[in-house]
């Protein structure tokens, strides 16, 4: 039986379900660079280079293992620029008994595959993506039994299912979650290792030229480009994380330091999300590092929770709630995305740092994304559609299944609390506690009102005032709203006026 095995651009794994039981002598692997995927949003240049280079390297790896690969480059003269067109073109040139593809990472791609399936005579089989540790149906069963879908309880069940950091039926260390120990304030001089780097080879250089030619106006810097683009390189990057960063990852997980974009984070979400690293292998490596006495429980558990807990949970939410999840706007936010999200041209140093580093690296760690960039978008009332598109564009690890729940649910509370129990709104105080950004800022984080006050301070309270009809009954905001009620009318009016002045300046393009 001849099978056409189609690999999407985030399915670059020899273990992918669409390659399982393949016969290299009879089967053909189709991998396409298509304009449809490169342009549905204007991806960061580094993101395009990373993915396209990884695709080309993976095709070469498959060929070296004896697979017959049809690889369609973006600038091939016969390229139809769509997934439908390339599958149709392939099966028109050669007869196949069936087509096999792994479940896609984005709802729009599932709809495209379903359309293809209904329009061709060759059977098209969509297999489960078992790189994920919970199936879509498994998550749906879990969700059906609960009134509130909280990640913590899902995570505990996943720990038990895979027996990760377990001592019999009990969690290792006596607690399920050591997050309270992962907020160490970055004081003094920290010795932060350099991130993993790889020198672009001829394949990557060719892709860089391609992106420079076809996408000159896209957001982001191209140089320096040093991401891993093969599984071998990705494993080297992960090895380096375990050896040099994991021991401090837990302690400084929430810390932010000016001009230190990489901190002690692993930077492997890029590689897991496109298939170069296997999630369960990464989890077990870190678990072993703990049992070998190499790292503390808070570092090991914090890392494992991000993958076994949060990554699996947001993917489950995505497929449970699409397509309506994409349209949610519980807080009715409507303000357009400020221009400084693209330029970094703002006097607010925390935002300037995070946008600039995003532009340079197609990366920012989760606290920068949540508490600085996301927090501003939340309390300023930025339109969720524009915020979602920005996050999808600018980060190299962003695919809609992971980006949308994180932004709509975690960051913007646009789902009304379906994913998170409260909005992650904060004043400048938390940013000041967990970073040194405020030291070199035009604004004074200790001032609450007036032209020199940190805008996060009055925008935070203005957000709570604007949204009190929808948020005051939230049990996790009871104390905050009781503090708001104690403010006198003059203080409330000053908050509103400062926010009004700020938004007027924002609308006029002031920095």
Protein backbone atom coordinates (compact mmCIF):
# COMPACT_ATOMS: atom_id res chain seq x y z
CA UNK A 1 0.00 0.00 0.00
CA UNK A 2 1.38 3.37 -1.05
CA UNK A 3 0.83 6.14 1.47
CA UNK A 4 1.42 9.86 1.16
CA UNK A 5 2.51 11.08 4.58
CA UNK A 6 2.02 14.83 4.94
CA UNK A 7 4.04 16.69 7.59
CA UNK A 8 2.95 20.17 8.68
CA UNK A 9 5.57 22.73 9.62
CA UNK A 10 5.36 22.09 13.36
CA UNK A 11 5.53 18.26 13.03
CA UNK A 12 9.26 17.74 12.58
CA UNK A 13 9.63 14.56 14.61
CA UNK A 14 10.63 11.05 13.64
CA UNK A 15 8.14 9.89 16.29
CA UNK A 16 5.18 11.78 14.80
CA UNK A 17 2.10 9.60 14.41
CA UNK A 18 1.87 10.23 10.65
CA UNK A 19 5.26 8.54 10.17
CA UNK A 20 4.52 5.60 12.44
CA UNK A 21 4.48 2.22 10.66
CA UNK A 22 5.76 3.91 7.51
CA UNK A 23 7.54 1.93 4.84
CA UNK A 24 10.24 4.07 3.23
CA UNK A 25 10.25 1.83 0.14
CA UNK A 26 6.58 2.44 -0.68
CA UNK A 27 5.65 5.65 1.13
CA UNK A 28 6.30 9.27 0.24
CA UNK A 29 6.68 12.15 2.69
CA UNK A 30 5.35 15.53 1.57
CA UNK A 31 6.68 18.66 3.28
CA UNK A 32 5.64 22.04 1.90
CA UNK A 33 6.78 25.57 2.46
CA UNK A 34 3.63 27.44 1.55
CA UNK A 35 2.85 31.13 1.50
CA UNK A 36 -0.51 30.41 3.14
CA UNK A 37 1.29 29.49 6.38
CA UNK A 38 3.92 32.20 6.11
CA UNK A 39 1.38 35.00 5.71
CA UNK A 40 -1.78 34.20 7.70
CA UNK A 41 -0.10 36.58 10.13
CA UNK A 42 3.09 38.58 9.45
CA UNK A 43 5.39 36.34 11.49
CA UNK A 44 8.58 37.62 13.09
CA UNK A 45 11.46 37.19 10.66
CA UNK A 46 13.36 34.97 13.10
CA UNK A 47 10.29 32.77 13.53
CA UNK A 48 10.08 32.20 9.77
CA UNK A 49 13.81 31.49 9.51
CA UNK A 50 13.69 29.09 12.44
CA UNK A 51 10.75 27.07 11.16
CA UNK A 52 11.72 27.00 7.46
CA UNK A 53 15.32 26.08 8.26
CA UNK A 54 14.18 23.34 10.66
CA UNK A 55 11.85 21.99 7.94
CA UNK A 56 14.66 21.79 5.41
CA UNK A 57 17.02 20.14 7.86
CA UNK A 58 14.35 17.61 8.85
CA UNK A 59 13.67 16.73 5.21
CA UNK A 60 17.38 16.09 4.78
CA UNK A 61 17.37 13.87 7.88
CA UNK A 62 14.45 11.85 6.51
CA UNK A 63 16.24 11.39 3.18
CA UNK A 64 19.36 10.19 5.01
CA UNK A 65 17.17 7.57 6.71
CA UNK A 66 15.97 6.29 3.38
CA UNK A 67 12.64 8.09 3.06
CA UNK A 68 11.43 9.38 -0.27
CA UNK A 69 10.68 13.05 0.36
CA UNK A 70 8.86 15.52 -1.85
CA UNK A 71 9.97 18.88 -0.52
CA UNK A 72 8.35 22.01 -1.92
CA UNK A 73 10.30 25.21 -1.33
CA UNK A 74 8.59 28.56 -1.00
CA UNK A 75 10.03 29.89 -4.24
CA UNK A 76 9.57 26.73 -6.35
CA UNK A 77 7.99 27.81 -9.62
CA UNK A 78 5.13 25.26 -9.41
CA UNK A 79 4.31 25.96 -5.75
CA UNK A 80 0.57 26.66 -5.43
CA UNK A 81 1.12 28.44 -2.09
CA UNK A 82 -1.64 26.50 -0.30
CA UNK A 83 -1.79 23.17 1.50
CA UNK A 84 -4.81 22.15 -0.58
CA UNK A 85 -2.98 22.95 -3.78
CA UNK A 86 0.17 21.03 -2.90
CA UNK A 87 -1.66 17.89 -1.77
CA UNK A 88 -3.83 17.98 -4.90
CA UNK A 89 -0.82 18.54 -7.14
CA UNK A 90 1.01 15.59 -5.57
CA UNK A 91 -1.84 13.09 -5.85
CA UNK A 92 -2.56 14.19 -9.42
CA UNK A 93 1.01 13.33 -10.38
CA UNK A 94 1.09 9.97 -8.59
CA UNK A 95 -1.53 7.56 -7.30
CA UNK A 96 -1.60 6.85 -3.56
CA UNK A 97 -3.82 4.44 -1.65
CA UNK A 98 -4.26 6.91 1.20
CA UNK A 99 -2.97 10.10 2.78
CA UNK A 100 -1.92 10.27 6.42
CA UNK A 101 -1.46 13.44 8.43
CA UNK A 102 -1.16 14.15 12.15
CA UNK A 103 -3.80 16.31 13.87
CA UNK A 104 -2.78 19.95 13.33
CA UNK A 105 -1.95 22.48 16.01
CA UNK A 106 -4.44 25.08 14.83
CA UNK A 107 -8.19 24.98 14.29
CA UNK A 108 -7.99 26.76 10.92
CA UNK A 109 -5.68 24.00 9.65
CA UNK A 110 -8.09 21.32 10.82
CA UNK A 111 -10.81 23.02 8.78
CA UNK A 112 -8.47 23.08 5.75
CA UNK A 113 -7.71 19.37 6.15
CA UNK A 114 -11.40 18.54 6.50
CA UNK A 115 -12.10 20.52 3.31
CA UNK A 116 -9.35 18.63 1.49
CA UNK A 117 -10.70 15.33 2.79
CA UNK A 118 -14.16 16.04 1.39
CA UNK A 119 -12.88 17.21 -2.00
CA UNK A 120 -10.55 14.35 -3.02
CA UNK A 121 -11.16 10.66 -3.72
CA UNK A 122 -8.02 9.45 -1.96
CA UNK A 123 -8.81 8.59 1.69
CA UNK A 124 -7.28 11.09 4.10
CA UNK A 125 -6.60 9.86 7.65
CA UNK A 126 -5.99 12.35 10.47
CA UNK A 127 -4.12 10.68 13.35
CA UNK A 128 -3.93 11.78 16.98
CA UNK A 129 -0.92 13.93 17.81
CA UNK A 130 0.50 11.76 20.57
CA UNK A 131 3.44 14.07 21.19
CA UNK A 132 0.97 15.54 23.68
CA UNK A 133 0.54 13.61 26.92
CA UNK A 134 -3.23 14.03 27.18
CA UNK A 135 -5.43 13.31 24.19
CA UNK A 136 -8.12 15.79 23.17
CA UNK A 137 -10.84 13.32 24.18
CA UNK A 138 -9.12 12.59 27.49
CA UNK A 139 -9.15 16.30 28.36
CA UNK A 140 -12.79 16.58 27.31
CA UNK A 141 -13.73 13.74 29.68
CA UNK A 142 -11.78 15.41 32.49
CA UNK A 143 -13.45 18.77 31.80
CA UNK A 144 -16.95 17.28 31.65
CA UNK A 145 -16.71 16.21 35.29
CA UNK A 146 -15.81 19.66 36.64
CA UNK A 147 -17.58 22.93 37.21
CA UNK A 148 -14.32 24.89 37.11
CA UNK A 149 -11.36 23.85 34.97
CA UNK A 150 -8.30 24.64 37.05
CA UNK A 151 -4.87 23.69 35.78
CA UNK A 152 -3.62 22.66 39.22
CA UNK A 153 -6.01 19.71 39.49
CA UNK A 154 -5.42 18.60 35.92
CA UNK A 155 -1.67 18.76 36.58
CA UNK A 156 -1.99 16.54 39.63
CA UNK A 157 -3.78 13.89 37.61
CA UNK A 158 -1.10 14.07 34.92
CA UNK A 159 1.59 13.61 37.56
CA UNK A 160 -0.21 10.53 38.80
CA UNK A 161 -0.83 9.17 35.29
CA UNK A 162 2.84 9.37 34.31
CA UNK A 163 4.25 8.83 37.83
CA UNK A 164 6.40 11.94 37.66
CA UNK A 165 7.84 13.24 40.95
CA UNK A 166 5.65 10.84 42.87
CA UNK A 167 6.36 8.99 46.10
CA UNK A 168 3.76 6.27 45.86
CA UNK A 169 0.42 8.09 45.83
CA UNK A 170 1.92 11.26 47.30
CA UNK A 171 3.80 14.07 45.56
CA UNK A 172 7.56 14.13 46.02
CA UNK A 173 8.54 16.63 48.71
CA UNK A 174 5.07 16.54 50.27
CA UNK A 175 3.58 19.23 48.01
CA UNK A 176 2.20 19.29 44.49
CA UNK A 177 3.37 22.79 43.78
CA UNK A 178 6.49 24.71 44.87
CA UNK A 179 5.62 27.93 43.07
CA UNK A 180 5.84 29.96 46.28
CA UNK A 181 9.58 29.22 46.31
CA UNK A 182 10.04 30.38 42.71
CA UNK A 183 9.81 34.14 43.23
CA UNK A 184 13.25 35.04 44.50
CA UNK A 185 14.00 38.72 44.01
CA UNK A 186 17.04 39.29 41.72
CA UNK A 187 19.34 41.19 44.07
CA UNK A 188 23.05 41.71 43.57
CA UNK A 189 25.08 40.46 40.62
CA UNK A 190 23.75 37.23 39.15
CA UNK A 191 26.03 35.07 37.02
CA UNK A 192 23.68 34.30 34.14
CA UNK A 193 25.07 31.87 31.54
CA UNK A 194 25.01 32.69 27.86
CA UNK A 195 22.20 31.02 25.89
CA UNK A 196 22.79 28.16 23.49
CA UNK A 197 23.99 29.32 20.09
CA UNK A 198 24.57 27.54 16.80
CA UNK A 199 26.23 29.00 13.75
CA UNK A 200 23.92 29.15 10.70
CA UNK A 201 24.98 26.60 8.09
CA UNK A 202 24.45 26.88 4.33
CA UNK A 203 20.83 25.71 4.58
CA UNK A 204 19.99 28.35 7.20
CA UNK A 205 21.88 31.01 5.25
CA UNK A 206 19.76 30.21 2.22
CA UNK A 207 16.59 30.57 4.31
CA UNK A 208 17.80 33.87 5.75
CA UNK A 209 18.20 35.22 2.22
CA UNK A 210 14.74 33.89 1.33
CA UNK A 211 13.10 35.64 4.28
CA UNK A 212 14.99 38.87 3.64
CA UNK A 213 13.71 38.84 0.06
CA UNK A 214 10.08 37.79 0.57
CA UNK A 215 9.32 39.35 3.98
CA UNK A 216 11.37 42.56 4.25
CA UNK A 217 8.62 44.46 6.09
CA UNK A 218 7.90 41.83 8.73
CA UNK A 219 8.55 42.60 12.38
CA UNK A 220 11.80 41.63 14.04
CA UNK A 221 15.56 41.42 13.67
CA UNK A 222 17.21 38.64 11.69
CA UNK A 223 20.69 38.87 13.17
CA UNK A 224 22.06 37.33 15.18
CA UNK A 225 20.32 34.04 14.36
CA UNK A 226 21.48 31.24 16.64
CA UNK A 227 18.50 28.94 17.25
CA UNK A 228 18.87 25.18 17.03
CA UNK A 229 17.37 23.93 13.76
CA UNK A 230 17.90 20.17 14.12
CA UNK A 231 16.98 17.64 16.79
CA UNK A 232 20.66 17.13 17.55
CA UNK A 233 21.20 20.83 18.16
CA UNK A 234 17.99 21.08 20.20
CA UNK A 235 19.24 18.29 22.46
CA UNK A 236 22.51 20.19 22.89
CA UNK A 237 20.53 23.28 23.89
CA UNK A 238 18.57 21.25 26.43
CA UNK A 239 21.73 19.62 27.79
CA UNK A 240 23.19 23.09 28.27
CA UNK A 241 20.08 24.21 30.15
CA UNK A 242 20.30 21.28 32.56
CA UNK A 243 24.02 21.77 33.13
CA UNK A 244 24.08 25.56 33.46
CA UNK A 245 20.63 26.98 34.21
CA UNK A 246 18.26 24.45 35.74
CA UNK A 247 19.70 24.75 39.26
CA UNK A 248 18.67 28.44 39.39
CA UNK A 249 15.60 28.20 37.16
CA UNK A 250 13.17 27.73 40.03
CA UNK A 251 14.51 30.50 42.24
CA UNK A 252 14.56 33.15 39.53
CA UNK A 253 11.67 31.94 37.38
CA UNK A 254 9.82 35.25 37.80
CA UNK A 255 12.85 37.55 37.79
CA UNK A 256 13.54 40.19 35.14
CA UNK A 257 16.81 42.07 34.67
CA UNK A 258 17.52 44.85 32.22
CA UNK A 259 19.42 43.59 29.14
CA UNK A 260 19.18 39.96 30.31
CA UNK A 261 16.46 38.48 28.09
CA UNK A 262 17.35 34.81 28.59
CA UNK A 263 17.78 34.62 32.39
CA UNK A 264 17.76 31.00 33.69
CA UNK A 265 14.96 29.80 31.44
CA UNK A 266 15.30 26.78 29.18
CA UNK A 267 14.34 28.39 25.82
CA UNK A 268 13.19 24.98 24.57
CA UNK A 269 9.53 25.81 23.87
CA UNK A 270 10.64 26.57 20.30
CA UNK A 271 11.96 23.04 19.91
CA UNK A 272 9.20 21.15 21.69
CA UNK A 273 6.48 22.97 19.78
CA UNK A 274 7.81 22.00 16.33
CA UNK A 275 8.90 18.47 17.25
CA UNK A 276 12.66 18.70 17.68
CA UNK A 277 12.37 17.73 21.35
CA UNK A 278 10.05 15.18 22.95
CA UNK A 279 8.12 16.60 25.95
CA UNK A 280 8.14 13.43 28.05
CA UNK A 281 11.87 12.94 27.48
CA UNK A 282 12.51 16.49 28.71
CA UNK A 283 10.32 15.90 31.75
CA UNK A 284 12.12 12.68 32.67
CA UNK A 285 15.54 14.26 32.21
CA UNK A 286 14.68 16.98 34.71
CA UNK A 287 13.08 14.50 37.08
CA UNK A 288 16.30 12.45 36.97
CA UNK A 289 18.36 15.58 37.67
CA UNK A 290 16.33 16.01 40.86
CA UNK A 291 16.66 12.39 41.97
CA UNK A 292 20.40 12.52 41.23
CA UNK A 293 20.65 15.43 43.66
CA UNK A 294 21.70 17.86 40.94
CA UNK A 295 18.82 20.33 41.38
CA UNK A 296 16.31 21.24 44.07
CA UNK A 297 12.66 20.16 44.04
CA UNK A 298 11.39 23.68 43.34
CA UNK A 299 13.42 23.95 40.12
CA UNK A 300 12.51 20.46 38.92
CA UNK A 301 8.81 20.74 39.79
CA UNK A 302 8.54 24.26 38.36
CA UNK A 303 9.96 23.15 35.04
CA UNK A 304 7.86 19.97 34.89
CA UNK A 305 4.68 21.89 35.74
CA UNK A 306 5.19 24.16 32.73
CA UNK A 307 5.19 21.15 30.37
CA UNK A 308 3.19 18.38 32.03
CA UNK A 309 0.72 20.84 33.51
CA UNK A 310 0.38 24.15 31.73
CA UNK A 311 1.30 23.10 28.17
CA UNK A 312 -1.11 20.17 28.20
CA UNK A 313 -3.83 22.18 29.92
CA UNK A 314 -3.88 25.10 27.48
CA UNK A 315 -3.93 22.72 24.53
CA UNK A 316 -6.92 20.96 26.07
CA UNK A 317 -8.73 24.26 26.62
CA UNK A 318 -8.04 25.31 23.03
CA UNK A 319 -9.61 22.25 21.42
CA UNK A 320 -12.43 22.17 23.95
CA UNK A 321 -13.55 25.75 23.27
CA UNK A 322 -12.70 26.47 19.62
CA UNK A 323 -13.87 28.17 17.50
CA UNK A 324 -15.88 30.41 19.85
CA UNK A 325 -12.87 30.91 22.13
CA UNK A 326 -11.23 33.10 19.50
CA UNK A 327 -14.06 35.64 19.62
CA UNK A 328 -14.34 36.05 23.40
CA UNK A 329 -14.11 39.55 24.86
CA UNK A 330 -15.66 39.38 28.33
CA UNK A 331 -14.30 42.78 29.40
CA UNK A 332 -15.34 44.42 26.11
CA UNK A 333 -11.85 45.79 25.54
CA UNK A 334 -11.62 47.84 22.35
CA UNK A 335 -8.57 50.11 22.44
CA UNK A 336 -6.18 49.58 19.48
CA UNK A 337 -2.73 48.13 20.07
CA UNK A 338 -0.25 50.99 20.69
CA UNK A 339 2.45 51.56 18.10
CA UNK A 340 5.18 51.06 20.73
CA UNK A 341 4.37 47.32 20.79
CA UNK A 342 6.14 47.29 17.41
CA UNK A 343 8.83 49.90 17.99
CA UNK A 344 9.65 49.79 21.69
CA UNK A 345 9.55 53.59 21.58
CA UNK A 346 8.10 54.35 25.01
CA UNK A 347 9.29 56.03 28.18
CA UNK A 348 8.01 53.08 30.23
CA UNK A 349 11.29 51.19 30.61
CA UNK A 350 9.76 47.79 31.44
CA UNK A 351 7.73 47.84 28.21
CA UNK A 352 10.67 49.22 26.24
CA UNK A 353 12.89 46.38 27.49
CA UNK A 354 10.38 43.63 26.75
CA UNK A 355 9.36 44.89 23.30
CA UNK A 356 12.97 45.52 22.27
CA UNK A 357 14.06 42.05 23.39
CA UNK A 358 11.07 40.51 21.63
CA UNK A 359 12.03 42.34 18.44
CA UNK A 360 15.63 41.18 18.73
CA UNK A 361 15.06 37.59 19.80
CA UNK A 362 11.49 36.49 18.91
CA UNK A 363 11.48 35.50 22.57
CA UNK A 364 10.52 36.83 26.00
CA UNK A 365 10.08 34.69 29.06
CA UNK A 366 6.68 34.04 30.59
CA UNK A 367 6.74 36.81 33.24
CA UNK A 368 7.70 39.42 30.67
CA UNK A 369 4.82 38.20 28.49
CA UNK A 370 2.34 38.09 31.38
CA UNK A 371 3.20 40.77 33.94
CA UNK A 372 4.68 43.46 31.71
CA UNK A 373 3.34 43.19 28.15
CA UNK A 374 0.16 41.32 28.96
CA UNK A 375 -0.58 43.27 32.11
CA UNK A 376 -0.42 46.52 30.18
CA UNK A 377 -2.70 45.14 27.45
CA UNK A 378 -5.19 44.03 30.12
CA UNK A 379 -5.39 47.19 32.22
CA UNK A 380 -5.26 49.47 29.16
CA UNK A 381 -8.20 47.61 27.62
CA UNK A 382 -6.51 46.59 24.35
CA UNK A 383 -8.68 44.70 21.86
CA UNK A 384 -8.12 40.93 22.34
CA UNK A 385 -8.05 40.30 18.58
CA UNK A 386 -5.12 42.68 18.16
CA UNK A 387 -3.30 41.40 21.23
CA UNK A 388 -3.68 37.77 20.14
CA UNK A 389 -2.38 38.57 16.67
CA UNK A 390 0.62 40.41 18.13
CA UNK A 391 1.62 37.48 20.36
CA UNK A 392 1.16 35.04 17.46
CA UNK A 393 3.38 37.18 15.25
CA UNK A 394 6.25 38.05 17.51
CA UNK A 395 7.23 34.81 19.30
CA UNK A 396 8.98 31.94 17.57
CA UNK A 397 7.25 29.39 19.81
CA UNK A 398 3.77 30.77 19.12
CA UNK A 399 1.16 28.56 17.48
CA UNK A 400 -2.50 29.28 18.03
CA UNK A 401 -3.17 26.24 20.26
CA UNK A 402 -0.76 27.61 22.87
CA UNK A 403 -0.94 31.35 22.18
CA UNK A 404 -4.71 31.85 22.21
CA UNK A 405 -5.55 30.32 25.63
CA UNK A 406 -2.55 32.03 27.19
CA UNK A 407 -3.55 35.45 25.85
CA UNK A 408 -7.36 35.30 25.84
CA UNK A 409 -7.61 33.36 29.10
CA UNK A 410 -4.50 33.95 31.20
CA UNK A 411 -3.47 37.45 30.12
CA UNK A 412 -6.65 39.29 29.12
CA UNK A 413 -9.33 37.47 31.12
CA UNK A 414 -11.33 37.76 27.90
CA UNK A 415 -12.94 34.37 28.55
CA UNK A 416 -14.46 35.65 31.81
CA UNK A 417 -12.54 33.27 34.03
CA UNK A 418 -12.91 30.01 32.13
CA UNK A 419 -9.15 29.39 32.19
CA UNK A 420 -7.94 31.52 35.10
CA UNK A 421 -9.69 32.37 38.33
CA UNK A 422 -8.83 36.09 38.25
CA UNK A 423 -7.31 38.74 35.96
CA UNK A 424 -3.53 39.02 36.25
CA UNK A 425 -3.60 42.77 36.76
CA UNK A 426 -0.82 44.42 38.71
CA UNK A 427 0.52 47.87 39.53
CA UNK A 428 4.14 48.88 39.13
CA UNK A 429 5.00 47.46 42.57
CA UNK A 430 5.24 43.84 41.39
CA UNK A 431 7.33 44.78 38.36
CA UNK A 432 9.62 46.74 40.68
CA UNK A 433 9.87 43.81 43.08
CA UNK A 434 10.77 41.25 40.43
CA UNK A 435 13.00 43.39 38.21
CA UNK A 436 15.42 46.29 38.04
CA UNK A 437 13.50 47.92 35.20
CA UNK A 438 12.16 50.73 37.36
CA UNK A 439 15.63 52.00 38.28
CA UNK A 440 16.23 53.47 34.83
CA UNK A 441 12.68 54.50 34.01
CA UNK A 442 11.43 57.97 33.13
CA UNK A 443 8.60 57.41 35.61
CA UNK A 444 8.72 56.96 39.38
CA UNK A 445 7.26 53.64 40.50
CA UNK A 446 6.71 55.03 44.00
CA UNK A 447 4.45 57.84 42.80
CA UNK A 448 0.80 56.90 42.43
CA UNK A 449 -0.53 59.92 40.55
CA UNK A 450 0.62 62.80 38.41
CA UNK A 451 2.83 63.17 35.31
CA UNK A 452 5.85 61.41 36.86
CA UNK A 453 3.89 58.51 38.36
CA UNK A 454 4.37 55.04 36.93
CA UNK A 455 1.42 54.58 34.54
CA UNK A 456 0.92 51.03 35.78
CA UNK A 457 -0.05 52.44 39.18
CA UNK A 458 -3.07 54.50 38.16
CA UNK A 459 -3.99 52.34 35.16
CA UNK A 460 -4.31 49.36 37.53
CA UNK A 461 -6.87 51.12 39.71
CA UNK A 462 -8.60 52.66 36.71
CA UNK A 463 -9.02 49.16 35.26
CA UNK A 464 -10.62 47.94 38.50
CA UNK A 465 -12.94 50.96 38.53
CA UNK A 466 -13.94 50.52 34.89
CA UNK A 467 -14.56 46.79 35.29
CA UNK A 468 -16.04 46.66 38.79
CA UNK A 469 -19.50 45.59 37.57
CA UNK A 470 -17.95 42.46 36.08
CA UNK A 471 -15.18 41.79 38.58
CA UNK A 472 -16.30 42.88 42.05
CA UNK A 473 -18.00 39.54 42.73
CA UNK A 474 -14.80 37.61 41.96
CA UNK A 475 -13.82 36.04 45.29
CA UNK A 476 -10.11 36.47 44.55
CA UNK A 477 -10.56 40.24 44.18
CA UNK A 478 -12.59 40.79 47.35
CA UNK A 479 -9.67 42.33 49.27
CA UNK A 480 -8.66 44.56 46.35
CA UNK A 481 -12.17 45.92 45.90
CA UNK A 482 -12.45 46.53 49.63
CA UNK A 483 -9.31 48.69 49.34
CA UNK A 484 -10.84 50.51 46.39
CA UNK A 485 -13.97 51.27 48.40
CA UNK A 486 -11.83 52.92 51.07
CA UNK A 487 -10.41 55.45 48.61
CA UNK A 488 -12.12 58.85 48.82
CA UNK A 489 -13.77 60.53 45.86
CA UNK A 490 -10.81 62.86 45.30
CA UNK A 491 -8.41 59.90 44.98
CA UNK A 492 -10.78 58.13 42.60
CA UNK A 493 -11.13 61.24 40.46
CA UNK A 494 -7.33 61.68 40.33
CA UNK A 495 -6.93 58.04 39.14
CA UNK A 496 -9.54 58.52 36.43
CA UNK A 497 -8.03 61.82 35.28
CA UNK A 498 -4.49 60.41 35.10
CA UNK A 499 -5.75 57.45 33.09
CA UNK A 500 -7.73 59.75 30.79
CA UNK A 501 -4.66 61.91 30.17
CA UNK A 502 -2.54 58.84 29.50
CA UNK A 503 -4.98 57.35 26.99
CA UNK A 504 -5.36 60.68 25.18
CA UNK A 505 -1.58 60.89 24.78
CA UNK A 506 -1.49 57.26 23.64
CA UNK A 507 -4.11 57.98 20.96
CA UNK A 508 -2.03 60.89 19.71
CA UNK A 509 1.06 58.71 19.37
CA UNK A 510 3.03 60.16 22.28
CA UNK A 511 5.66 57.88 23.73
